[in-house]
Each structure stands twice: as C-alpha cells, then as structure tokens.
Amino acid sequence: ELEFSMAAPPSRALMDEAPSASALSSASGHVNGQASSLSGGSGGGGGLENERLIQERLRAAIEARRKDLTMERERQEQQRLRAAIEAAHQAHAQGSLHGEHLEQERLRG
C-alpha cells in the first residue's frame, strides 16, 4: 500500500490549474513578441488585421500547449498504472511464496 500512495500523482485540481496559467503565460509572451514586430511595420494602418492575426496565433499556441499537456498527463498516468501493476505482481508473487511455505510446513507438521 505504501508503494501505491507514493506513486499517486498530485491532486487533479493542481494539475489542471497550473498548466493553464503556464500555457497562457507562455503563449501570451510569444504572441506579444510577435505583436510588437507586427505593429512596428504597419504604420498604423492594419490594426484590426494585426489584432486578428495575434488572436489566431494566441489560440494556436494555447491549443498546441494543451495537446502537449494532455500527452504528458497520459504518459504520467501510464507510468503510474505500470508501477501499480508491477507492485501488484510483486505482492502476488510474495503472497504465493508465503502460501507455498505454509503448505510445506503443514505437510511436514
């Protein structure tokens, strides 16, 4: 049981909130850099077009980050399940050996 509790991931609420803020911050920093380069060359004429382009890039960056996070969560869940299965196999093997030992003792006794 100790192995199972040590393998448990952090609370789902923490994992759901932190990456969103991180993804937004990362994407917005990327888009802000692009926005400053776009506005520098526009001469003031294409403000709405630049805004639309910025929003599209922000959405794309956030969506890409979400996919990365989803894949990472799935990988972590698979690792946790593998560890739990391995622990169950080990516990079963130890239990089987203990059962065989008790049976041998009973037959001798």
Protein backbone atom coordinates (compact mmCIF):
# COMPACT_ATOMS: atom_id res chain seq x y z
CA GLU A 1 0.00 0.00 0.00
CA LEU A 2 2.88 2.36 0.69
CA GLU A 3 4.04 1.97 -2.92
CA PHE A 4 0.60 2.89 -4.23
CA SER A 5 0.35 6.09 -2.20
CA MET A 6 3.87 7.17 -3.17
CA ALA A 7 3.07 6.66 -6.86
CA ALA A 8 -0.10 8.79 -6.74
CA PRO A 9 0.06 11.96 -8.82
CA PRO A 10 -0.50 15.43 -7.34
CA SER A 11 -4.12 16.46 -6.89
CA ARG A 12 -6.06 16.79 -10.13
CA ALA A 13 -7.06 20.38 -9.28
CA LEU A 14 -3.42 21.47 -9.01
CA MET A 15 -2.52 19.78 -12.27
CA ASP A 16 -5.48 21.34 -14.08
CA GLU A 17 -4.92 24.90 -12.87
CA ALA A 18 -1.15 25.33 -13.02
CA PRO A 19 -0.59 24.25 -16.63
CA SER A 20 -3.37 26.53 -17.90
CA ALA A 21 -1.75 29.57 -16.32
CA SER A 22 1.64 28.43 -17.58
CA ALA A 23 0.33 27.80 -21.08
CA LEU A 24 -1.38 31.17 -21.21
CA SER A 25 1.71 32.96 -19.96
CA SER A 26 3.97 31.16 -22.42
CA ALA A 27 1.64 31.70 -25.36
CA SER A 28 0.98 35.32 -24.49
CA GLY A 29 4.71 36.07 -24.20
CA HIS A 30 5.24 34.50 -27.62
CA VAL A 31 2.35 36.43 -29.17
CA ASN A 32 3.34 39.71 -27.50
CA GLY A 33 6.75 39.42 -29.13
CA GLN A 34 5.09 38.87 -32.49
CA ALA A 35 2.65 41.75 -31.89
CA SER A 36 5.44 44.23 -31.28
CA SER A 37 7.16 43.19 -34.50
CA LEU A 38 3.87 43.45 -36.41
CA SER A 39 2.89 46.85 -35.06
CA GLY A 40 6.35 48.25 -35.77
CA GLY A 41 5.98 47.74 -39.51
CA SER A 42 2.32 48.55 -40.01
CA GLY A 43 2.49 52.34 -40.00
CA GLY A 44 -0.79 52.42 -38.08
CA GLY A 45 -2.95 51.17 -40.95
CA GLY A 46 -3.63 47.49 -40.19
CA GLY A 47 -4.63 47.50 -36.53
CA LEU A 48 -7.65 45.18 -36.87
CA GLU A 49 -5.80 42.78 -39.13
CA ASN A 50 -2.91 42.65 -36.68
CA GLU A 51 -5.32 42.04 -33.79
CA ARG A 52 -6.97 39.16 -35.68
CA LEU A 53 -3.57 37.69 -36.52
CA ILE A 54 -2.44 37.98 -32.90
CA GLN A 55 -5.62 36.27 -31.66
CA GLU A 56 -5.20 33.42 -34.16
CA ARG A 57 -1.59 32.89 -33.12
CA LEU A 58 -2.52 33.02 -29.44
CA ARG A 59 -5.26 30.43 -29.96
CA ALA A 60 -2.88 28.19 -31.92
CA ALA A 61 -0.16 28.48 -29.27
CA ILE A 62 -2.61 27.69 -26.45
CA GLU A 63 -4.06 24.72 -28.35
CA ALA A 64 -0.58 23.33 -29.03
CA ARG A 65 0.30 23.68 -25.33
CA ARG A 66 -2.95 21.93 -24.32
CA LYS A 67 -2.11 19.00 -26.59
CA ASP A 68 1.39 18.79 -25.09
CA LEU A 69 -0.04 18.81 -21.56
CA THR A 70 -2.64 16.18 -22.42
CA MET A 71 0.05 13.89 -23.83
CA GLU A 72 2.23 14.46 -20.75
CA ARG A 73 -0.68 13.65 -18.39
CA GLU A 74 -1.44 10.47 -20.34
CA ARG A 75 2.23 9.44 -20.17
CA GLN A 76 2.31 10.06 -16.39
CA GLU A 77 -0.92 8.10 -15.92
CA GLN A 78 0.52 5.16 -17.89
CA GLN A 79 3.67 5.22 -15.75
CA ARG A 80 1.59 5.28 -12.57
CA LEU A 81 -0.53 2.36 -13.78
CA ARG A 82 2.57 0.36 -14.77
CA ALA A 83 4.03 0.94 -11.30
CA ALA A 84 0.77 -0.14 -9.65
CA ILE A 85 0.59 -3.29 -11.80
CA GLU A 86 4.22 -4.14 -11.03
CA ALA A 87 3.59 -3.65 -7.30
CA ALA A 88 0.52 -5.89 -7.51
CA HIS A 89 2.52 -8.59 -9.32
CA GLN A 90 5.26 -8.43 -6.69
CA ALA A 91 2.74 -8.60 -3.84
CA HIS A 92 1.03 -11.56 -5.50
CA ALA A 93 4.36 -13.35 -6.02
CA GLN A 94 5.34 -12.79 -2.38
CA GLY A 95 1.92 -13.97 -1.25
CA SER A 96 2.20 -17.10 -3.40
CA LEU A 97 5.63 -17.91 -1.97
CA HIS A 98 4.33 -17.39 1.55
CA GLY A 99 1.37 -19.68 0.80
CA GLU A 100 3.67 -22.41 -0.55
CA HIS A 101 5.86 -22.14 2.55
CA LEU A 102 2.81 -22.51 4.84
CA GLU A 103 1.63 -25.52 2.84
CA GLN A 104 5.07 -27.18 3.15
CA GLU A 105 5.09 -26.51 6.91
CA ARG A 106 1.60 -28.01 7.21
CA LEU A 107 2.65 -31.14 5.30
CA ARG A 108 5.77 -31.54 7.47
CA GLY A 109 3.92 -30.95 10.71
